Amino acid sequence: MRIVQKDLYNAHLQVCFWECNSHLDFFNTQIKVAVETLKKYLHFNVTYHSTCNYDEIVAKVQTNKCDVVSIMIATPKRTKLFENLIPISEAKLGILIKAVPQRSHGSLSVFTPLDSSTWVLLFVCSILYALLLTSYEHKHTAAQSETKSRNCFKWGKKLLDIIAYNFSCLIYKPVSYTPQHSPARMLVSWWWVFVMVIVSIYTGKIVSFRSVIPATEYPFTTLSEAVNSEMIPIVVHTWATEEFLQNGTPHSNLGKLWKKMSEANAISYTVEEALERTATGKYMFIANVPYLKHYTNFMADGNCRLMLAPIEFLPSYLTLIINKNSKYIRGLNYGINRLRESGLLSLWLDHNLPLEMETCVEPRKSLVTATPLMLKELRHIFTMLGLGLLASVLVMVAEQVLKRHSHVKMQLIKMFTNNTHTG
């Protein structure tokens, strides 16, 4: 059933868009869809205009050359000039920054899962435990000895055996060793508990090296951190953000942002200028989140040069504005309210981003995947295997050389001995 509002029936509305750049073409298109829907059910005609000059918008509304203006954030200053229709959607302020490169894993090696300090501490603990175990065993052995003499050779051999045992535990292939005394058994028990934990951590880190994609590391995650960051805030002149920051108290985060921006003279007069400066990484662009979502892919090449910081603050709302004395206020509010109740406005404005924009807006969280390990990431492990093979070959060659040298030496001694006896 068609809805008829007396004041709007067969009326001809002049709808103006505050349109300063091509990045909001999609957004304005969705508003036109909403207006066209209202036009169909409220039986009025419409003509669209666009302008980039805010003062011109104000003058046209006050002189009834524009019946409706789409779309603005309601602010105290604007409320004094215009009548705000029923809010179309909520709008919070957000911060746009240069996109942070995705953190990479790097190459995998046997040392990758643990940092250098952990490896050093692991080695030190192994040696200390070996020294302590050797002291326990030697103490009891010496106490039972009749001579009670200290045999350095046996003590050193025992130490090497226990060191080998400690390190072999880390690969769950311990060499044969059974402690004979209670203190040593207690120490070995605690060592095994430690081994189970450290090996489990090591194994888990190896598995997660490629199966877990690192989350994005933002330069700041709260408004206070943004205020204290090295980035300079930037806003567009005459936008609602400028008014919100300017009206902030000096000691508030908004007031501090305004002071920081004013000192750096970082007020931009065009959106393109603000986006270009943001893309340098030295500035953070503050505006309402619905607009910022459309700016993430501002070069329209799918590279996502900009990204939204995980901060939203100062809730407000997007609305259509109209002359305070307009006779269309009641009818348009009725139509907008019906669109809101049906869920169409939310569908058009919040859930119909172009695919490339959805990709840029979606935060890069930590994800679990089944990505296989590539050979280039395992090259250090295979290099280590090759080095181990080379080392074993060198040791084998050295043994053969020493063995041959010893054999030759024995032959010479034997010949010399035989010559002496013969002489």
Protein backbone atom coordinates (compact mmCIF):
# COMPACT_ATOMS: atom_id res chain seq x y z
CA MET A 1 0.00 0.00 0.00
CA ARG A 2 1.38 3.40 -0.99
CA ILE A 3 2.01 5.96 1.71
CA VAL A 4 0.77 9.49 1.01
CA GLN A 5 1.93 12.53 3.00
CA LYS A 6 -0.08 15.63 2.18
CA ASP A 7 2.79 18.12 2.21
CA LEU A 8 4.99 15.93 0.00
CA TYR A 9 2.38 14.80 -2.50
CA ASN A 10 3.46 15.94 -5.99
CA ALA A 11 6.09 18.23 -4.43
CA HIS A 12 9.39 18.85 -6.24
CA LEU A 13 12.34 18.62 -3.83
CA GLN A 14 15.79 20.02 -4.50
CA VAL A 15 18.27 17.58 -2.92
CA CYS A 16 21.83 18.83 -2.61
CA PHE A 17 24.93 16.73 -1.98
CA TRP A 18 27.95 18.15 -0.23
CA GLU A 19 30.28 16.40 -2.64
CA CYS A 20 33.93 17.40 -2.64
CA ASN A 21 35.67 14.26 -3.91
CA SER A 22 35.08 11.09 -5.84
CA HIS A 23 35.78 8.82 -2.87
CA LEU A 24 32.22 9.19 -1.59
CA ASP A 25 30.51 8.44 -4.91
CA PHE A 26 29.43 5.05 -3.62
CA PHE A 27 28.16 6.56 -0.35
CA ASN A 28 26.15 9.25 -2.13
CA THR A 29 24.78 6.63 -4.51
CA GLN A 30 23.34 4.72 -1.53
CA ILE A 31 21.72 7.92 -0.23
CA LYS A 32 20.19 8.45 -3.67
CA VAL A 33 18.76 4.94 -3.46
CA ALA A 34 17.14 5.88 -0.15
CA VAL A 35 15.77 9.15 -1.60
CA GLU A 36 14.44 7.35 -4.67
CA THR A 37 12.68 4.86 -2.39
CA LEU A 38 11.09 7.71 -0.42
CA LYS A 39 10.14 9.36 -3.70
CA LYS A 40 8.31 6.23 -4.80
CA TYR A 41 6.27 5.81 -1.64
CA LEU A 42 5.73 9.46 -0.70
CA HIS A 43 4.88 10.59 -4.25
CA PHE A 44 7.24 13.50 -4.78
CA ASN A 45 9.70 14.47 -7.49
CA VAL A 46 13.35 15.27 -6.97
CA THR A 47 16.26 17.07 -8.62
CA TYR A 48 19.82 16.46 -7.48
CA HIS A 49 22.55 19.06 -7.12
CA SER A 50 26.08 18.89 -5.77
CA THR A 51 28.49 21.45 -4.40
CA CYS A 52 31.79 21.39 -2.53
CA ASN A 53 31.43 24.75 -0.81
CA TYR A 54 30.05 24.56 2.73
CA ASP A 55 29.07 28.24 2.85
CA GLU A 56 27.17 27.76 -0.42
CA ILE A 57 25.29 24.83 1.15
CA VAL A 58 24.30 27.01 4.12
CA ALA A 59 23.11 29.81 1.86
CA LYS A 60 21.07 27.48 -0.37
CA VAL A 61 19.29 25.85 2.57
CA GLN A 62 18.46 29.18 4.20
CA THR A 63 17.09 30.55 0.90
CA ASN A 64 15.16 27.31 0.16
CA LYS A 65 17.20 26.61 -2.97
CA CYS A 66 18.03 23.28 -1.36
CA ASP A 67 15.18 21.52 0.39
CA VAL A 68 17.32 18.67 1.70
CA VAL A 69 21.08 18.29 2.07
CA SER A 70 22.72 14.86 2.23
CA ILE A 71 24.55 13.87 4.32
CA MET A 72 26.07 15.47 7.43
CA ILE A 73 27.02 14.75 11.01
CA ALA A 74 24.86 16.60 13.50
CA THR A 75 26.89 19.14 15.51
CA PRO A 76 25.82 21.91 17.94
CA LYS A 77 26.75 24.65 15.45
CA ARG A 78 24.87 23.02 12.57
CA THR A 79 21.82 22.40 14.76
CA LYS A 80 21.53 26.17 15.22
CA LEU A 81 21.47 26.65 11.43
CA PHE A 82 19.43 23.67 10.22
CA GLU A 83 16.80 21.18 11.24
CA ASN A 84 18.18 17.66 11.54
CA LEU A 85 15.90 14.93 10.25
CA ILE A 86 15.69 11.52 11.96
CA PRO A 87 19.23 10.07 12.13
CA ILE A 88 20.07 7.76 9.25
CA SER A 89 22.83 5.90 11.07
CA GLU A 90 25.24 6.19 13.97
CA ALA A 91 28.62 7.75 13.27
CA LYS A 92 31.62 7.64 15.57
CA LEU A 93 34.91 9.36 14.99
CA GLY A 94 37.81 7.18 13.92
CA ILE A 95 41.44 7.53 12.90
CA LEU A 96 42.86 6.68 9.49
CA ILE A 97 46.59 5.89 9.30
CA LYS A 98 49.07 4.58 6.79
CA ALA A 99 48.65 0.85 6.38
CA VAL A 100 51.04 -1.17 8.53
CA PRO A 101 52.88 -3.87 6.54
CA GLN A 102 51.85 -7.41 7.45
CA ARG A 103 54.44 -8.94 9.75
CA SER A 104 56.28 -11.85 8.09
CA HIS A 105 57.62 -15.01 9.70
CA GLY A 106 61.07 -14.95 8.13
CA SER A 107 63.11 -18.10 7.62
CA LEU A 108 62.73 -21.12 9.85
CA SER A 109 65.72 -22.60 11.67
CA VAL A 110 66.08 -24.90 14.66
CA PHE A 111 66.66 -21.80 16.81
CA THR A 112 63.60 -19.84 15.56
CA PRO A 113 61.02 -20.96 18.17
CA LEU A 114 63.07 -19.62 21.10
CA ASP A 115 65.01 -16.39 21.46
CA SER A 116 68.77 -16.25 22.05
CA SER A 117 68.50 -15.57 25.80
CA THR A 118 66.32 -18.68 26.22
CA TRP A 119 68.83 -20.83 24.36
CA VAL A 120 71.69 -19.49 26.49
CA LEU A 121 69.75 -20.09 29.71
CA LEU A 122 68.81 -23.59 28.55
CA PHE A 123 72.47 -24.41 27.93
CA VAL A 124 73.56 -22.94 31.28
CA CYS A 125 70.86 -24.89 33.13
CA SER A 126 71.94 -28.11 31.46
CA ILE A 127 75.57 -27.59 32.51
CA LEU A 128 74.63 -26.58 36.07
CA TYR A 129 72.37 -29.60 36.50
CA ALA A 130 75.15 -31.83 35.14
CA LEU A 131 77.68 -30.36 37.59
CA LEU A 132 75.27 -30.80 40.49
CA LEU A 133 74.41 -34.38 39.53
CA THR A 134 78.10 -35.23 39.12
CA SER A 135 78.85 -33.77 42.56
CA TYR A 136 76.04 -35.83 44.14
CA GLU A 137 77.19 -39.06 42.52
CA HIS A 138 80.89 -38.46 43.18
CA LYS A 139 80.26 -37.48 46.80
CA HIS A 140 78.53 -40.74 47.61
CA THR A 141 81.00 -42.81 45.60
CA ALA A 142 83.95 -41.13 47.35
CA ALA A 143 82.35 -41.69 50.74
CA GLN A 144 82.14 -45.42 50.08
CA SER A 145 85.67 -45.62 48.75
CA GLU A 146 88.26 -47.07 51.06
CA THR A 147 90.98 -44.64 49.98
CA LYS A 148 88.57 -41.63 49.65
CA SER A 149 90.86 -40.22 46.98
CA ARG A 150 89.59 -37.90 44.27
CA ASN A 151 89.97 -39.33 40.80
CA CYS A 152 89.76 -36.37 38.40
CA PHE A 153 89.60 -38.60 35.34
CA LYS A 154 86.56 -40.51 36.60
CA TRP A 155 84.89 -37.27 37.78
CA GLY A 156 85.36 -35.67 34.35
CA LYS A 157 84.08 -38.75 32.54
CA LYS A 158 81.01 -38.80 34.76
CA LEU A 159 80.38 -35.13 34.07
CA LEU A 160 80.52 -35.67 30.31
CA ASP A 161 78.16 -38.63 30.55
CA ILE A 162 75.60 -36.60 32.52
CA ILE A 163 75.88 -33.63 30.14
CA ALA A 164 75.17 -36.00 27.28
CA TYR A 165 72.21 -37.37 29.23
CA ASN A 166 70.76 -33.88 29.86
CA PHE A 167 70.91 -32.85 26.23
CA SER A 168 69.63 -36.21 24.99
CA CYS A 169 66.56 -35.75 27.21
CA LEU A 170 65.62 -32.70 25.16
CA ILE A 171 65.04 -34.93 22.13
CA TYR A 172 63.33 -37.65 24.17
CA LYS A 173 66.21 -40.04 23.44
CA PRO A 174 68.13 -40.10 26.73
CA VAL A 175 71.31 -42.11 26.97
CA SER A 176 71.45 -44.83 29.59
CA TYR A 177 71.80 -43.28 33.01
CA THR A 178 70.20 -44.27 36.30
CA PRO A 179 70.92 -42.12 39.34
CA GLN A 180 71.90 -44.21 42.34
CA HIS A 181 71.12 -41.81 45.18
CA SER A 182 68.05 -39.89 46.34
CA PRO A 183 69.31 -36.30 45.76
CA ALA A 184 70.33 -37.22 42.22
CA ARG A 185 66.97 -38.90 41.56
CA MET A 186 65.11 -35.82 42.78
CA LEU A 187 67.20 -33.59 40.52
CA VAL A 188 66.62 -35.84 37.51
CA SER A 189 62.86 -35.88 38.19
CA TRP A 190 62.69 -32.08 38.14
CA TRP A 191 64.83 -32.02 35.00
CA TRP A 192 62.35 -34.31 33.24
CA VAL A 193 59.42 -32.04 34.19
CA PHE A 194 61.31 -29.09 32.75
CA VAL A 195 62.13 -31.06 29.60
CA MET A 196 58.48 -31.98 29.00
CA VAL A 197 57.42 -28.34 29.24
CA ILE A 198 60.21 -26.86 27.11
CA VAL A 199 59.89 -29.52 24.41
CA SER A 200 56.11 -28.99 24.21
CA ILE A 201 56.62 -25.23 23.83
CA TYR A 202 59.29 -25.76 21.18
CA THR A 203 57.10 -28.17 19.22
CA GLY A 204 54.10 -25.84 19.39
CA LYS A 205 56.14 -22.88 18.14
CA ILE A 206 57.46 -24.92 15.23
CA VAL A 207 53.90 -25.90 14.26
CA SER A 208 52.61 -22.33 14.57
CA PHE A 209 55.45 -20.86 12.53
CA ARG A 210 53.40 -21.01 9.34
CA SER A 211 49.98 -22.13 10.52
CA VAL A 212 49.32 -18.87 12.42
CA ILE A 213 49.38 -15.58 10.53
CA PRO A 214 50.56 -12.74 12.82
CA ALA A 215 47.99 -10.04 13.65
CA THR A 216 48.51 -6.45 12.64
CA GLU A 217 50.59 -4.39 15.06
CA TYR A 218 49.00 -0.95 15.25
CA PRO A 219 51.06 2.10 16.27
CA PHE A 220 48.39 2.85 18.90
CA THR A 221 45.21 1.18 20.14
CA THR A 222 43.70 3.84 22.43
CA LEU A 223 42.92 7.53 22.04
CA SER A 224 45.45 8.45 24.75
CA GLU A 225 48.18 6.59 22.87
CA ALA A 226 47.16 8.39 19.68
CA VAL A 227 47.49 11.75 21.44
CA ASN A 228 51.00 10.88 22.62
CA SER A 229 52.14 9.33 19.34
CA GLU A 230 54.50 11.03 16.91
CA MET A 231 51.76 11.24 14.25
CA ILE A 232 50.15 14.64 13.72
CA PRO A 233 46.32 14.72 13.63
CA ILE A 234 44.75 16.20 10.52
CA VAL A 235 41.14 17.18 9.75
CA VAL A 236 39.32 18.78 6.82
CA HIS A 237 38.21 22.39 7.25
CA THR A 238 34.45 22.85 7.91
CA TRP A 239 33.97 19.16 8.68
CA ALA A 240 32.28 18.16 11.92
CA THR A 241 35.56 16.77 13.26
CA GLU A 242 37.06 20.24 13.31
CA GLU A 243 34.21 21.52 15.47
CA PHE A 244 34.37 18.54 17.85
CA LEU A 245 38.11 18.89 18.44
CA GLN A 246 37.96 22.67 18.71
CA ASN A 247 35.27 22.48 21.40
CA GLY A 248 37.21 19.95 23.49
CA THR A 249 38.48 21.13 26.86
CA PRO A 250 42.26 21.82 26.93
CA HIS A 251 43.05 18.87 29.21
CA SER A 252 40.87 16.35 27.37
CA ASN A 253 42.16 14.07 24.62
CA LEU A 254 40.14 16.04 22.06
CA GLY A 255 41.63 19.32 23.30
CA LYS A 256 45.14 17.89 23.17
CA LEU A 257 44.58 16.67 19.62
CA TRP A 258 43.35 20.13 18.61
CA LYS A 259 46.38 21.81 20.19
CA LYS A 260 48.78 19.36 18.53
CA MET A 261 47.10 19.88 15.16
CA SER A 262 46.96 23.67 15.45
CA GLU A 263 50.65 23.91 16.35
CA ALA A 264 51.53 21.85 13.26
CA ASN A 265 49.07 23.78 11.06
CA ALA A 266 47.60 20.44 9.96
CA ILE A 267 44.12 21.58 8.92
CA SER A 268 43.51 20.49 5.33
CA TYR A 269 41.15 22.20 2.89
CA THR A 270 40.55 19.18 0.66
CA VAL A 271 40.07 15.49 1.32
CA GLU A 272 42.69 14.59 -1.28
CA GLU A 273 45.29 16.67 0.55
CA ALA A 274 44.43 15.01 3.86
CA LEU A 275 44.67 11.53 2.33
CA GLU A 276 47.97 12.23 0.63
CA ARG A 277 49.48 13.53 3.85
CA THR A 278 48.11 10.54 5.76
CA ALA A 279 49.72 8.18 3.23
CA THR A 280 53.15 9.57 4.17
CA GLY A 281 52.84 7.97 7.62
CA LYS A 282 53.42 11.26 9.46
CA TYR A 283 49.74 12.17 9.86
CA MET A 284 46.55 10.53 11.15
CA PHE A 285 43.30 11.58 9.51
CA ILE A 286 40.41 12.01 11.97
CA ALA A 287 36.87 11.83 10.62
CA ASN A 288 33.69 9.83 11.08
CA VAL A 289 34.12 6.09 10.60
CA PRO A 290 31.56 5.59 7.78
CA TYR A 291 33.55 8.03 5.61
CA LEU A 292 36.95 6.66 6.62
CA LYS A 293 35.92 3.18 5.51
CA HIS A 294 35.65 4.52 1.98
CA TYR A 295 39.04 6.22 2.14
CA THR A 296 41.10 3.10 2.94
CA ASN A 297 41.43 2.32 -0.76
CA PHE A 298 41.67 5.95 -1.82
CA MET A 299 43.89 5.16 -4.85
CA ALA A 300 41.25 2.64 -6.02
CA ASP A 301 43.94 0.12 -6.97
CA GLY A 302 43.24 -2.48 -4.28
CA ASN A 303 46.54 -1.93 -2.43
CA CYS A 304 44.95 -0.64 0.78
CA ARG A 305 47.48 2.12 1.40
CA LEU A 306 45.50 3.35 4.41
CA MET A 307 43.88 1.50 7.29
CA LEU A 308 41.58 2.22 10.21
CA ALA A 309 43.16 2.25 13.65
CA PRO A 310 41.19 0.14 16.18
CA ILE A 311 39.76 3.26 17.86
CA GLU A 312 36.25 4.70 17.77
CA PHE A 313 35.16 7.61 19.95
CA LEU A 314 32.67 10.46 20.36
CA PRO A 315 29.41 8.91 19.09
CA SER A 316 27.21 11.10 16.89
CA TYR A 317 24.88 10.42 13.97
CA LEU A 318 24.54 11.00 10.25
CA THR A 319 21.46 12.85 9.14
CA LEU A 320 19.82 14.76 6.31
CA ILE A 321 19.48 18.47 7.03
CA ILE A 322 16.64 20.77 6.05
CA ASN A 323 15.49 24.34 6.58
CA LYS A 324 14.02 24.85 10.05
CA ASN A 325 10.84 26.30 8.55
CA SER A 326 10.40 23.60 5.88
CA LYS A 327 6.94 22.06 5.51
CA TYR A 328 8.52 18.72 4.49
CA ILE A 329 10.02 17.89 7.88
CA ARG A 330 7.16 15.75 9.16
CA GLY A 331 6.71 13.78 5.93
CA LEU A 332 10.43 13.07 5.41
CA ASN A 333 10.86 12.02 9.04
CA TYR A 334 7.97 9.61 8.62
CA GLY A 335 9.51 8.08 5.49
CA ILE A 336 13.01 7.82 6.97
CA ASN A 337 11.62 6.18 10.08
CA ARG A 338 9.87 3.55 7.94
CA LEU A 339 13.16 2.84 6.11
CA ARG A 340 14.98 2.51 9.41
CA GLU A 341 12.39 0.11 10.82
CA SER A 342 12.56 -2.04 7.68
CA GLY A 343 16.35 -2.37 7.98
CA LEU A 344 16.89 -1.09 4.44
CA LEU A 345 18.94 1.93 5.51
CA SER A 346 21.32 -0.25 7.49
CA LEU A 347 21.61 -2.64 4.55
CA TRP A 348 22.37 0.11 2.06
CA LEU A 349 24.78 2.13 4.18
CA ASP A 350 26.63 -0.42 6.31
CA HIS A 351 26.66 -3.72 4.46
CA ASN A 352 27.14 -2.90 0.80
CA LEU A 353 30.76 -1.78 0.62
CA PRO A 354 32.52 -2.53 -2.68
CA LEU A 355 34.61 -5.71 -2.49
CA GLU A 356 37.97 -3.92 -2.59
CA MET A 357 36.87 -1.59 0.23
CA GLU A 358 35.63 -4.49 2.35
CA THR A 359 39.08 -6.05 2.00
CA CYS A 360 40.78 -2.86 3.16
CA VAL A 361 38.39 -2.21 6.03
CA GLU A 362 38.53 -5.73 7.45
CA PRO A 363 41.10 -5.75 10.31
CA ARG A 364 43.96 -8.17 9.83
CA LYS A 365 43.59 -10.40 12.85
CA SER A 366 45.61 -13.42 13.84
CA LEU A 367 44.37 -16.24 11.64
CA VAL A 368 44.91 -19.98 11.68
CA THR A 369 45.55 -21.51 8.29
CA ALA A 370 46.89 -24.70 6.80
CA THR A 371 49.70 -23.02 4.89
CA PRO A 372 52.51 -25.52 4.19
CA LEU A 373 56.11 -24.74 5.05
CA MET A 374 58.05 -23.72 1.96
CA LEU A 375 61.54 -24.95 1.17
CA LYS A 376 63.03 -21.45 1.34
CA GLU A 377 61.79 -21.19 4.94
CA LEU A 378 63.46 -24.49 5.86
CA ARG A 379 66.77 -23.80 4.12
CA HIS A 380 68.60 -23.15 7.39
CA ILE A 381 67.61 -26.55 8.76
CA PHE A 382 68.86 -28.33 5.66
CA THR A 383 72.00 -26.17 5.71
CA MET A 384 72.64 -27.28 9.28
CA LEU A 385 72.16 -30.91 8.18
CA GLY A 386 74.74 -30.39 5.44
CA LEU A 387 77.16 -28.78 7.86
CA GLY A 388 76.74 -31.73 10.22
CA LEU A 389 77.50 -34.11 7.36
CA LEU A 390 80.57 -32.07 6.39
CA ALA A 391 81.77 -32.02 10.00
CA SER A 392 81.42 -35.78 10.28
CA VAL A 393 83.40 -36.26 7.08
CA LEU A 394 86.17 -33.98 8.38
CA VAL A 395 86.28 -35.89 11.67
CA MET A 396 86.47 -39.18 9.79
CA VAL A 397 89.32 -37.86 7.60
CA ALA A 398 91.13 -36.56 10.68
CA GLU A 399 90.81 -39.96 12.37
CA GLN A 400 92.16 -41.69 9.30
CA VAL A 401 95.10 -39.29 9.11
CA LEU A 402 95.87 -39.74 12.80
CA LYS A 403 95.49 -43.48 12.52
CA ARG A 404 97.84 -43.60 9.51
CA HIS A 405 100.33 -41.34 11.27
CA SER A 406 100.22 -43.56 14.35
CA HIS A 407 100.71 -46.65 12.17
CA VAL A 408 103.70 -45.13 10.40
CA LYS A 409 105.17 -44.05 13.71
CA MET A 410 104.83 -47.56 15.12
CA GLN A 411 106.46 -49.01 12.00
CA LEU A 412 109.43 -46.65 12.35
CA ILE A 413 109.84 -47.50 16.04
CA LYS A 414 109.71 -51.21 15.21
CA MET A 415 112.33 -50.82 12.44
CA PHE A 416 114.56 -48.80 14.75
CA THR A 417 114.26 -51.42 17.49
CA ASN A 418 115.08 -54.25 15.06
CA ASN A 419 118.14 -52.38 13.73
CA THR A 420 119.38 -51.79 17.26
CA HIS A 421 119.13 -55.47 18.16
CA THR A 422 120.81 -56.48 14.90
CA GLY A 423 123.67 -54.05 15.42
